[in-house]
Amino acid sequence: MPERLAPEREFTMRFTSTPRGARLARRLVSHRLHDWGHPYTTPVNETLTLITAELSANAVRHGHVPGRDFHLQLTLAEGVVRVEVTDTRAEKQPPATPSATDSLSESGRGLLLVAALADDWGVSPRRAAPGKTVWADLHVRSQGHPLTHRVAPGPTDLDLLLATASLLRDDHGSRPEDASRGGRRL
């Protein structure tokens, strides 16, 4: 994992390893980014929300150990926003390079999206406990736009991104009434 920068802002929470926990993680990241000056409809907020959705879904689907939660950390430091999702399953490591999937497959595209959207991403062992942390970095400006110039995706990539982004529309703009903050379990 690249060197940790001194955080300007940091948000850490623990979620149940369930689809509901993954959905709450995604929603709370979007709300936190909005609070940090990256409004809901900006590219930074939408990109990091999608990355969080993919990493959280992977933690629930591939990193789940019964009775164990996954942890999410969102950090803003020196123009870089990092999303880290930590689970307790060390033996299930994501591939170093995500491979293309069959166009008819209903899964297997999450890390392809993360690799396409993030400026950098990777996997590291969990500190002081069994498991792993999958992280992704996005370089940002304070105005809410990514710093790096991205090449527009090709038609098949765009279809994939639109299909995945449609999963985020179910609760766009809503606030989680039952969520709490401060590192507590949801």
N, C-alpha and C. Protein backbone atom coordinates (compact mmCIF):
# COMPACT_ATOMS: atom_id res chain seq x y z
N MET A 1 0.85 -1.16 0.00
CA MET A 1 0.00 0.00 0.00
C MET A 1 0.90 1.23 0.00
N PRO A 2 0.53 2.25 -0.80
CA PRO A 2 1.33 3.47 -0.78
C PRO A 2 1.37 4.07 0.62
N GLU A 3 2.37 4.90 0.83
CA GLU A 3 2.57 5.52 2.14
C GLU A 3 1.33 6.30 2.56
N ARG A 4 0.97 6.17 3.82
CA ARG A 4 -0.20 6.89 4.35
C ARG A 4 0.17 8.35 4.55
N LEU A 5 -0.69 9.22 4.06
CA LEU A 5 -0.50 10.65 4.21
C LEU A 5 -1.19 11.11 5.48
N ALA A 6 -0.75 12.25 6.02
CA ALA A 6 -1.42 12.82 7.19
C ALA A 6 -2.82 13.26 6.76
N PRO A 7 -3.86 12.67 7.36
CA PRO A 7 -5.21 12.98 6.90
C PRO A 7 -5.67 14.38 7.27
N GLU A 8 -6.33 15.03 6.30
CA GLU A 8 -7.00 16.30 6.56
C GLU A 8 -8.38 16.00 7.16
N ARG A 9 -8.99 14.95 6.61
CA ARG A 9 -10.30 14.49 7.08
C ARG A 9 -10.31 12.98 7.02
N GLU A 10 -11.03 12.38 7.97
CA GLU A 10 -11.08 10.92 8.01
C GLU A 10 -12.44 10.48 8.54
N PHE A 11 -12.93 9.39 8.01
CA PHE A 11 -14.21 8.82 8.40
C PHE A 11 -14.03 7.31 8.46
N THR A 12 -14.33 6.70 9.61
CA THR A 12 -14.17 5.26 9.78
C THR A 12 -15.45 4.69 10.37
N MET A 13 -15.90 3.59 9.79
CA MET A 13 -17.08 2.91 10.31
C MET A 13 -16.96 1.41 10.14
N ARG A 14 -17.80 0.71 10.87
CA ARG A 14 -17.87 -0.74 10.81
C ARG A 14 -19.30 -1.10 10.39
N PHE A 15 -19.43 -2.07 9.49
CA PHE A 15 -20.72 -2.47 8.96
C PHE A 15 -20.88 -3.98 9.02
N THR A 16 -22.12 -4.43 9.14
CA THR A 16 -22.38 -5.86 9.07
C THR A 16 -22.06 -6.36 7.67
N SER A 17 -21.58 -7.57 7.57
CA SER A 17 -21.23 -8.15 6.27
C SER A 17 -22.48 -8.70 5.59
N THR A 18 -23.36 -7.77 5.26
CA THR A 18 -24.63 -8.09 4.60
C THR A 18 -24.84 -7.10 3.46
N PRO A 19 -25.75 -7.40 2.54
CA PRO A 19 -26.06 -6.41 1.49
C PRO A 19 -26.51 -5.07 2.08
N ARG A 20 -27.24 -5.11 3.19
CA ARG A 20 -27.66 -3.87 3.84
C ARG A 20 -26.45 -3.07 4.33
N GLY A 21 -25.47 -3.76 4.91
CA GLY A 21 -24.26 -3.09 5.36
C GLY A 21 -23.51 -2.44 4.21
N ALA A 22 -23.42 -3.14 3.08
CA ALA A 22 -22.74 -2.59 1.89
C ALA A 22 -23.49 -1.37 1.37
N ARG A 23 -24.82 -1.44 1.36
CA ARG A 23 -25.63 -0.31 0.89
C ARG A 23 -25.44 0.90 1.82
N LEU A 24 -25.43 0.67 3.13
CA LEU A 24 -25.22 1.78 4.07
C LEU A 24 -23.83 2.39 3.91
N ALA A 25 -22.83 1.55 3.68
CA ALA A 25 -21.47 2.07 3.48
C ALA A 25 -21.43 3.01 2.28
N ARG A 26 -22.03 2.58 1.19
CA ARG A 26 -22.07 3.39 -0.03
C ARG A 26 -22.78 4.71 0.24
N ARG A 27 -23.92 4.66 0.89
CA ARG A 27 -24.70 5.87 1.14
C ARG A 27 -23.96 6.83 2.07
N LEU A 28 -23.36 6.30 3.12
CA LEU A 28 -22.66 7.17 4.07
C LEU A 28 -21.42 7.81 3.46
N VAL A 29 -20.73 7.10 2.57
CA VAL A 29 -19.58 7.71 1.87
C VAL A 29 -20.07 8.88 1.02
N SER A 30 -21.16 8.69 0.30
CA SER A 30 -21.70 9.77 -0.52
C SER A 30 -22.06 10.98 0.33
N HIS A 31 -22.71 10.75 1.47
CA HIS A 31 -23.07 11.85 2.36
C HIS A 31 -21.84 12.53 2.96
N ARG A 32 -20.84 11.74 3.35
CA ARG A 32 -19.63 12.32 3.93
C ARG A 32 -18.89 13.17 2.88
N LEU A 33 -18.79 12.67 1.66
CA LEU A 33 -18.14 13.45 0.60
C LEU A 33 -18.89 14.76 0.36
N HIS A 34 -20.20 14.70 0.39
CA HIS A 34 -21.00 15.91 0.24
C HIS A 34 -20.66 16.90 1.36
N ASP A 35 -20.56 16.39 2.60
CA ASP A 35 -20.20 17.25 3.73
C ASP A 35 -18.80 17.83 3.58
N TRP A 36 -17.90 17.11 2.90
CA TRP A 36 -16.52 17.55 2.72
C TRP A 36 -16.36 18.48 1.51
N GLY A 37 -17.45 18.87 0.87
CA GLY A 37 -17.36 19.82 -0.23
C GLY A 37 -17.40 19.20 -1.61
N HIS A 38 -17.78 17.96 -1.72
CA HIS A 38 -17.93 17.28 -3.01
C HIS A 38 -19.40 16.88 -3.15
N PRO A 39 -20.24 17.80 -3.64
CA PRO A 39 -21.69 17.56 -3.70
C PRO A 39 -22.05 16.25 -4.43
N TYR A 40 -23.27 15.79 -4.15
CA TYR A 40 -23.74 14.48 -4.63
C TYR A 40 -23.55 14.27 -6.13
N THR A 41 -23.79 15.26 -6.94
CA THR A 41 -23.76 15.06 -8.40
C THR A 41 -22.40 15.35 -9.03
N THR A 42 -21.37 15.60 -8.23
CA THR A 42 -20.05 15.86 -8.80
C THR A 42 -19.38 14.55 -9.18
N PRO A 43 -18.45 14.61 -10.13
CA PRO A 43 -17.73 13.39 -10.52
C PRO A 43 -17.01 12.71 -9.36
N VAL A 44 -16.44 13.48 -8.44
CA VAL A 44 -15.73 12.88 -7.31
C VAL A 44 -16.69 12.06 -6.46
N ASN A 45 -17.82 12.64 -6.10
CA ASN A 45 -18.78 11.94 -5.26
C ASN A 45 -19.31 10.70 -5.97
N GLU A 46 -19.72 10.84 -7.21
CA GLU A 46 -20.27 9.70 -7.94
C GLU A 46 -19.22 8.60 -8.14
N THR A 47 -18.00 8.99 -8.46
CA THR A 47 -16.94 8.01 -8.69
C THR A 47 -16.60 7.26 -7.40
N LEU A 48 -16.39 7.99 -6.31
CA LEU A 48 -16.03 7.34 -5.05
C LEU A 48 -17.18 6.54 -4.47
N THR A 49 -18.41 6.97 -4.71
CA THR A 49 -19.56 6.20 -4.26
C THR A 49 -19.62 4.87 -5.01
N LEU A 50 -19.37 4.90 -6.31
CA LEU A 50 -19.37 3.66 -7.10
C LEU A 50 -18.23 2.74 -6.67
N ILE A 51 -17.05 3.30 -6.45
CA ILE A 51 -15.91 2.49 -5.98
C ILE A 51 -16.24 1.86 -4.63
N THR A 52 -16.82 2.64 -3.73
CA THR A 52 -17.21 2.12 -2.42
C THR A 52 -18.23 1.00 -2.55
N ALA A 53 -19.19 1.19 -3.44
CA ALA A 53 -20.21 0.15 -3.65
C ALA A 53 -19.57 -1.15 -4.09
N GLU A 54 -18.62 -1.07 -5.00
CA GLU A 54 -17.97 -2.29 -5.50
C GLU A 54 -17.11 -2.95 -4.43
N LEU A 55 -16.30 -2.16 -3.72
CA LEU A 55 -15.44 -2.74 -2.69
C LEU A 55 -16.25 -3.31 -1.53
N SER A 56 -17.31 -2.62 -1.14
CA SER A 56 -18.16 -3.12 -0.06
C SER A 56 -18.89 -4.39 -0.47
N ALA A 57 -19.41 -4.42 -1.69
CA ALA A 57 -20.09 -5.63 -2.18
C ALA A 57 -19.12 -6.80 -2.22
N ASN A 58 -17.88 -6.55 -2.63
CA ASN A 58 -16.88 -7.62 -2.64
C ASN A 58 -16.57 -8.11 -1.23
N ALA A 59 -16.50 -7.19 -0.27
CA ALA A 59 -16.23 -7.59 1.12
C ALA A 59 -17.35 -8.48 1.64
N VAL A 60 -18.59 -8.17 1.27
CA VAL A 60 -19.73 -8.96 1.71
C VAL A 60 -19.76 -10.31 0.98
N ARG A 61 -19.52 -10.28 -0.30
CA ARG A 61 -19.63 -11.52 -1.10
C ARG A 61 -18.43 -12.44 -0.96
N HIS A 62 -17.22 -11.88 -0.97
CA HIS A 62 -16.02 -12.71 -0.99
C HIS A 62 -15.22 -12.70 0.31
N GLY A 63 -15.43 -11.69 1.16
CA GLY A 63 -14.64 -11.58 2.38
C GLY A 63 -15.42 -11.87 3.64
N HIS A 64 -16.65 -12.32 3.48
CA HIS A 64 -17.53 -12.56 4.63
C HIS A 64 -17.08 -13.76 5.46
N VAL A 65 -16.98 -13.55 6.74
CA VAL A 65 -16.79 -14.61 7.72
C VAL A 65 -17.96 -14.44 8.69
N PRO A 66 -18.76 -15.51 8.91
CA PRO A 66 -19.93 -15.37 9.79
C PRO A 66 -19.58 -14.72 11.12
N GLY A 67 -20.39 -13.75 11.50
CA GLY A 67 -20.19 -13.05 12.77
C GLY A 67 -19.17 -11.94 12.73
N ARG A 68 -18.54 -11.70 11.58
CA ARG A 68 -17.51 -10.66 11.47
C ARG A 68 -18.00 -9.53 10.58
N ASP A 69 -17.67 -8.32 10.93
CA ASP A 69 -18.05 -7.13 10.17
C ASP A 69 -16.95 -6.75 9.19
N PHE A 70 -17.27 -5.84 8.29
CA PHE A 70 -16.22 -5.24 7.47
C PHE A 70 -16.09 -3.78 7.90
N HIS A 71 -14.92 -3.23 7.69
CA HIS A 71 -14.61 -1.86 8.09
C HIS A 71 -14.37 -1.03 6.85
N LEU A 72 -14.78 0.22 6.92
CA LEU A 72 -14.57 1.15 5.83
C LEU A 72 -13.90 2.40 6.38
N GLN A 73 -12.89 2.86 5.67
CA GLN A 73 -12.24 4.10 6.05
C GLN A 73 -12.16 4.98 4.82
N LEU A 74 -12.57 6.23 4.97
CA LEU A 74 -12.50 7.23 3.92
C LEU A 74 -11.57 8.32 4.42
N THR A 75 -10.54 8.62 3.65
CA THR A 75 -9.54 9.59 4.08
C THR A 75 -9.28 10.60 2.97
N LEU A 76 -9.23 11.87 3.35
CA LEU A 76 -8.83 12.93 2.43
C LEU A 76 -7.50 13.46 2.93
N ALA A 77 -6.46 13.39 2.09
CA ALA A 77 -5.14 13.86 2.47
C ALA A 77 -4.41 14.36 1.23
N GLU A 78 -4.01 15.62 1.27
CA GLU A 78 -3.19 16.21 0.21
C GLU A 78 -3.76 15.99 -1.18
N GLY A 79 -5.06 16.24 -1.35
CA GLY A 79 -5.68 16.14 -2.66
C GLY A 79 -5.97 14.72 -3.12
N VAL A 80 -5.90 13.74 -2.23
CA VAL A 80 -6.20 12.35 -2.57
C VAL A 80 -7.28 11.86 -1.60
N VAL A 81 -8.33 11.29 -2.17
CA VAL A 81 -9.33 10.62 -1.34
C VAL A 81 -9.08 9.13 -1.48
N ARG A 82 -8.96 8.46 -0.33
CA ARG A 82 -8.74 7.01 -0.32
C ARG A 82 -9.92 6.33 0.36
N VAL A 83 -10.39 5.29 -0.29
CA VAL A 83 -11.40 4.41 0.29
C VAL A 83 -10.70 3.10 0.62
N GLU A 84 -10.84 2.64 1.86
CA GLU A 84 -10.27 1.36 2.28
C GLU A 84 -11.40 0.50 2.84
N VAL A 85 -11.52 -0.71 2.33
CA VAL A 85 -12.50 -1.65 2.85
C VAL A 85 -11.73 -2.86 3.36
N THR A 86 -11.93 -3.17 4.64
CA THR A 86 -11.19 -4.25 5.30
C THR A 86 -12.15 -5.35 5.71
N ASP A 87 -11.80 -6.59 5.36
CA ASP A 87 -12.59 -7.73 5.82
C ASP A 87 -11.67 -8.70 6.54
N THR A 88 -12.22 -9.79 7.06
CA THR A 88 -11.44 -10.71 7.89
C THR A 88 -11.04 -11.99 7.16
N ARG A 89 -11.19 -12.04 5.86
CA ARG A 89 -10.88 -13.25 5.11
C ARG A 89 -9.59 -13.06 4.33
N ALA A 90 -8.49 -13.52 4.88
CA ALA A 90 -7.17 -13.32 4.27
C ALA A 90 -6.93 -14.25 3.09
N GLU A 91 -7.53 -15.45 3.12
CA GLU A 91 -7.22 -16.43 2.07
C GLU A 91 -7.88 -16.12 0.73
N LYS A 92 -8.88 -15.24 0.69
CA LYS A 92 -9.54 -14.89 -0.56
C LYS A 92 -9.02 -13.53 -1.01
N GLN A 93 -7.97 -13.54 -1.82
CA GLN A 93 -7.36 -12.31 -2.31
C GLN A 93 -7.88 -11.98 -3.71
N PRO A 94 -8.18 -10.70 -3.99
CA PRO A 94 -8.55 -10.35 -5.35
C PRO A 94 -7.33 -10.44 -6.26
N PRO A 95 -7.54 -10.65 -7.55
CA PRO A 95 -6.41 -10.73 -8.47
C PRO A 95 -5.68 -9.39 -8.56
N ALA A 96 -4.38 -9.44 -8.81
CA ALA A 96 -3.59 -8.21 -8.94
C ALA A 96 -4.06 -7.39 -10.14
N THR A 97 -4.48 -8.07 -11.19
CA THR A 97 -5.02 -7.42 -12.38
C THR A 97 -6.37 -8.04 -12.67
N PRO A 98 -7.46 -7.25 -12.59
CA PRO A 98 -8.77 -7.83 -12.85
C PRO A 98 -8.86 -8.29 -14.31
N SER A 99 -9.47 -9.44 -14.50
CA SER A 99 -9.60 -9.97 -15.85
C SER A 99 -10.97 -9.64 -16.42
N ALA A 100 -11.03 -9.57 -17.74
CA ALA A 100 -12.29 -9.30 -18.42
C ALA A 100 -13.22 -10.48 -18.20
N THR A 101 -14.51 -10.19 -18.09
CA THR A 101 -15.48 -11.25 -17.89
C THR A 101 -16.33 -11.41 -19.14
N ASP A 102 -17.03 -12.51 -19.19
CA ASP A 102 -17.98 -12.77 -20.26
C ASP A 102 -19.05 -11.69 -20.24
N SER A 103 -19.42 -11.16 -21.39
CA SER A 103 -20.39 -10.07 -21.45
C SER A 103 -21.77 -10.49 -20.94
N LEU A 104 -22.04 -11.78 -20.90
CA LEU A 104 -23.33 -12.26 -20.40
C LEU A 104 -23.31 -12.57 -18.90
N SER A 105 -22.13 -12.54 -18.30
CA SER A 105 -22.00 -12.85 -16.89
C SER A 105 -22.67 -11.77 -16.05
N GLU A 106 -23.29 -12.17 -14.94
CA GLU A 106 -23.95 -11.22 -14.05
C GLU A 106 -23.04 -10.68 -12.97
N SER A 107 -21.81 -11.14 -12.90
CA SER A 107 -20.89 -10.65 -11.88
C SER A 107 -19.47 -10.67 -12.43
N GLY A 108 -18.52 -10.21 -11.60
CA GLY A 108 -17.12 -10.25 -11.99
C GLY A 108 -16.57 -8.97 -12.57
N ARG A 109 -17.35 -7.91 -12.53
CA ARG A 109 -16.90 -6.64 -13.12
C ARG A 109 -16.47 -5.60 -12.10
N GLY A 110 -16.65 -5.88 -10.82
CA GLY A 110 -16.39 -4.90 -9.78
C GLY A 110 -14.99 -4.34 -9.79
N LEU A 111 -13.99 -5.20 -9.79
CA LEU A 111 -12.61 -4.71 -9.78
C LEU A 111 -12.22 -4.08 -11.10
N LEU A 112 -12.85 -4.49 -12.21
CA LEU A 112 -12.62 -3.80 -13.49
C LEU A 112 -13.08 -2.35 -13.38
N LEU A 113 -14.22 -2.14 -12.75
CA LEU A 113 -14.71 -0.77 -12.54
C LEU A 113 -13.78 0.02 -11.63
N VAL A 114 -13.36 -0.60 -10.54
CA VAL A 114 -12.46 0.08 -9.61
C VAL A 114 -11.17 0.46 -10.34
N ALA A 115 -10.60 -0.47 -11.10
CA ALA A 115 -9.35 -0.19 -11.82
C ALA A 115 -9.55 0.91 -12.86
N ALA A 116 -10.72 0.96 -13.50
CA ALA A 116 -10.99 1.97 -14.51
C ALA A 116 -11.23 3.35 -13.90
N LEU A 117 -11.83 3.40 -12.72
CA LEU A 117 -12.22 4.67 -12.13
C LEU A 117 -11.18 5.27 -11.19
N ALA A 118 -10.45 4.44 -10.48
CA ALA A 118 -9.48 4.92 -9.48
C ALA A 118 -8.16 5.29 -10.14
N ASP A 119 -7.45 6.21 -9.51
CA ASP A 119 -6.11 6.54 -9.98
C ASP A 119 -5.11 5.47 -9.57
N ASP A 120 -5.40 4.78 -8.47
CA ASP A 120 -4.55 3.69 -7.99
C ASP A 120 -5.41 2.83 -7.09
N TRP A 121 -5.10 1.55 -7.01
CA TRP A 121 -5.82 0.65 -6.11
C TRP A 121 -4.92 -0.53 -5.80
N GLY A 122 -5.26 -1.26 -4.76
CA GLY A 122 -4.46 -2.42 -4.42
C GLY A 122 -5.03 -3.14 -3.21
N VAL A 123 -4.27 -4.14 -2.77
CA VAL A 123 -4.65 -4.98 -1.64
C VAL A 123 -3.46 -5.06 -0.70
N SER A 124 -3.73 -5.01 0.60
CA SER A 124 -2.66 -5.18 1.58
C SER A 124 -3.19 -6.01 2.74
N PRO A 125 -2.29 -6.66 3.48
CA PRO A 125 -2.73 -7.43 4.65
C PRO A 125 -3.37 -6.50 5.68
N ARG A 126 -4.33 -7.00 6.40
CA ARG A 126 -4.96 -6.24 7.47
C ARG A 126 -3.95 -6.06 8.59
N ARG A 127 -3.88 -4.87 9.14
CA ARG A 127 -2.95 -4.58 10.23
C ARG A 127 -3.45 -5.21 11.52
N ALA A 128 -2.60 -5.95 12.19
CA ALA A 128 -2.82 -6.48 13.54
C ALA A 128 -3.96 -7.48 13.66
N ALA A 129 -4.41 -8.05 12.54
CA ALA A 129 -5.47 -9.06 12.61
C ALA A 129 -5.53 -9.79 11.27
N PRO A 130 -6.15 -10.97 11.26
CA PRO A 130 -6.29 -11.67 9.98
C PRO A 130 -7.21 -10.90 9.04
N GLY A 131 -6.94 -10.97 7.77
CA GLY A 131 -7.79 -10.33 6.78
C GLY A 131 -6.99 -9.52 5.78
N LYS A 132 -7.70 -8.69 5.05
CA LYS A 132 -7.08 -7.86 4.02
C LYS A 132 -7.80 -6.53 3.92
N THR A 133 -7.11 -5.57 3.35
CA THR A 133 -7.69 -4.27 3.04
C THR A 133 -7.54 -4.04 1.55
N VAL A 134 -8.66 -3.76 0.90
CA VAL A 134 -8.65 -3.37 -0.51
C VAL A 134 -8.88 -1.87 -0.52
N TRP A 135 -8.01 -1.14 -1.20
CA TRP A 135 -8.06 0.31 -1.17
C TRP A 135 -8.04 0.88 -2.59
N ALA A 136 -8.55 2.09 -2.70
CA ALA A 136 -8.55 2.80 -3.98
C ALA A 136 -8.34 4.28 -3.71
N ASP A 137 -7.53 4.92 -4.53
CA ASP A 137 -7.25 6.35 -4.41
C ASP A 137 -7.80 7.10 -5.61
N LEU A 138 -8.29 8.31 -5.36
CA LEU A 138 -8.72 9.21 -6.41
C LEU A 138 -8.15 10.59 -6.11
N HIS A 139 -7.43 11.16 -7.06
CA HIS A 139 -6.88 12.51 -6.92
C HIS A 139 -8.00 13.49 -7.21
N VAL A 140 -8.15 14.49 -6.31
CA VAL A 140 -9.26 15.43 -6.44
C VAL A 140 -8.80 16.87 -6.26
N ARG A 141 -9.64 17.76 -6.74
CA ARG A 141 -9.50 19.19 -6.47
C ARG A 141 -10.54 19.54 -5.43
N SER A 142 -10.39 20.67 -4.80
CA SER A 142 -11.36 21.06 -3.79
C SER A 142 -12.73 21.37 -4.41
N GLN A 143 -12.81 21.64 -5.71
CA GLN A 143 -14.08 21.96 -6.34
C GLN A 143 -14.92 20.72 -6.63
N GLY A 144 -14.41 19.53 -6.34
CA GLY A 144 -15.22 18.35 -6.52
C GLY A 144 -15.00 17.63 -7.84
N HIS A 145 -13.93 17.93 -8.55
CA HIS A 145 -13.66 17.27 -9.82
C HIS A 145 -12.34 16.52 -9.74
N PRO A 146 -12.24 15.37 -10.41
CA PRO A 146 -10.97 14.64 -10.40
C PRO A 146 -9.87 15.47 -11.05
N LEU A 147 -8.65 15.31 -10.57
CA LEU A 147 -7.51 16.00 -11.15
C LEU A 147 -7.04 15.35 -12.45
N THR A 148 -7.05 14.05 -12.49
CA THR A 148 -6.50 13.37 -13.64
C THR A 148 -7.46 13.40 -14.81
N HIS A 149 -6.90 13.46 -15.98
CA HIS A 149 -7.70 13.41 -17.20
C HIS A 149 -7.93 11.95 -17.55
N ARG A 150 -9.18 11.57 -17.66
CA ARG A 150 -9.51 10.19 -17.99
C ARG A 150 -9.95 10.10 -19.44
N VAL A 151 -9.58 9.03 -20.09
CA VAL A 151 -10.02 8.78 -21.45
C VAL A 151 -11.45 8.26 -21.38
N ALA A 152 -12.29 8.77 -22.26
CA ALA A 152 -13.69 8.31 -22.27
C ALA A 152 -13.73 6.81 -22.55
N PRO A 153 -14.56 6.10 -21.80
CA PRO A 153 -14.64 4.66 -22.02
C PRO A 153 -15.27 4.34 -23.36
N GLY A 154 -14.90 3.18 -23.89
CA GLY A 154 -15.48 2.71 -25.15
C GLY A 154 -16.93 2.32 -24.95
N PRO A 155 -17.66 2.07 -26.02
CA PRO A 155 -19.08 1.77 -25.92
C PRO A 155 -19.40 0.60 -24.99
N THR A 156 -18.62 -0.46 -25.03
CA THR A 156 -18.93 -1.60 -24.16
C THR A 156 -18.64 -1.26 -22.71
N ASP A 157 -17.57 -0.50 -22.45
CA ASP A 157 -17.27 -0.07 -21.09
C ASP A 157 -18.35 0.88 -20.57
N LEU A 158 -18.83 1.77 -21.44
CA LEU A 158 -19.87 2.70 -21.04
C LEU A 158 -21.15 1.96 -20.68
N ASP A 159 -21.53 0.97 -21.45
CA ASP A 159 -22.71 0.18 -21.13
C ASP A 159 -22.56 -0.48 -19.77
N LEU A 160 -21.38 -1.00 -19.51
CA LEU A 160 -21.11 -1.64 -18.23
C LEU A 160 -21.22 -0.63 -17.09
N LEU A 161 -20.62 0.55 -17.26
CA LEU A 161 -20.67 1.57 -16.23
C LEU A 161 -22.10 2.04 -15.98
N LEU A 162 -22.88 2.23 -17.04
CA LEU A 162 -24.26 2.66 -16.88
C LEU A 162 -25.10 1.60 -16.17
N ALA A 163 -24.89 0.35 -16.53
CA ALA A 163 -25.64 -0.72 -15.87
C ALA A 163 -25.31 -0.78 -14.38
N THR A 164 -24.04 -0.63 -14.05
CA THR A 164 -23.64 -0.66 -12.65
C THR A 164 -24.12 0.58 -11.92
N ALA A 165 -24.02 1.73 -12.57
CA ALA A 165 -24.45 2.97 -11.94
C ALA A 165 -25.95 2.95 -11.66
N SER A 166 -26.73 2.23 -12.47
CA SER A 166 -28.17 2.17 -12.23
C SER A 166 -28.48 1.53 -10.88
N LEU A 167 -27.56 0.72 -10.37
CA LEU A 167 -27.76 0.12 -9.05
C LEU A 167 -27.72 1.18 -7.95
N LEU A 168 -27.07 2.31 -8.22
CA LEU A 168 -26.95 3.36 -7.22
C LEU A 168 -28.17 4.27 -7.17
N ARG A 169 -29.02 4.21 -8.17
CA ARG A 169 -30.14 5.16 -8.26
C ARG A 169 -31.28 4.87 -7.30
N ASP A 170 -31.31 3.71 -6.68
CA ASP A 170 -32.44 3.35 -5.83
C ASP A 170 -32.62 4.29 -4.64
N ASP A 171 -31.56 4.94 -4.19
CA ASP A 171 -31.67 5.79 -3.01
C ASP A 171 -30.94 7.11 -3.20
N HIS A 172 -30.81 7.57 -4.43
CA HIS A 172 -30.07 8.80 -4.72
C HIS A 172 -30.69 9.99 -3.98
N GLY A 173 -29.88 10.63 -3.17
CA GLY A 173 -30.31 11.82 -2.48
C GLY A 173 -30.99 11.57 -1.15
N SER A 174 -31.28 10.34 -0.81
CA SER A 174 -31.93 10.09 0.47
C SER A 174 -30.89 10.01 1.58
N ARG A 175 -31.33 10.22 2.78
CA ARG A 175 -30.45 10.16 3.94
C ARG A 175 -30.80 8.95 4.78
N PRO A 176 -29.79 8.23 5.24
CA PRO A 176 -30.08 7.07 6.09
C PRO A 176 -30.51 7.53 7.48
N GLU A 177 -31.77 7.34 7.80
CA GLU A 177 -32.30 7.80 9.08
C GLU A 177 -31.81 6.96 10.24
N ASP A 178 -31.52 5.68 9.98
CA ASP A 178 -31.15 4.78 11.07
C ASP A 178 -29.65 4.62 11.23
N ALA A 179 -28.88 5.39 10.51
CA ALA A 179 -27.42 5.23 10.59
C ALA A 179 -26.85 6.09 11.70
N SER A 180 -25.82 5.59 12.34
CA SER A 180 -25.14 6.35 13.36
C SER A 180 -23.68 6.52 12.94
N ARG A 181 -22.97 7.40 13.62
CA ARG A 181 -21.60 7.71 13.24
C ARG A 181 -20.64 7.37 14.36
N GLY A 182 -19.36 7.54 14.06
CA GLY A 182 -18.35 7.43 15.10
C GLY A 182 -17.78 6.04 15.28
N GLY A 183 -17.69 5.25 14.21
CA GLY A 183 -17.06 3.96 14.31
C GLY A 183 -17.93 2.88 14.92
N ARG A 184 -19.22 3.16 15.05
CA ARG A 184 -20.12 2.15 15.62
C ARG A 184 -20.65 1.24 14.53
N ARG A 185 -21.08 0.10 14.94
CA ARG A 185 -21.58 -0.92 14.03
C ARG A 185 -22.96 -0.55 13.53
N LEU A 186 -23.18 -0.75 12.22
CA LEU A 186 -24.51 -0.53 11.64
C LEU A 186 -25.07 -1.83 11.14
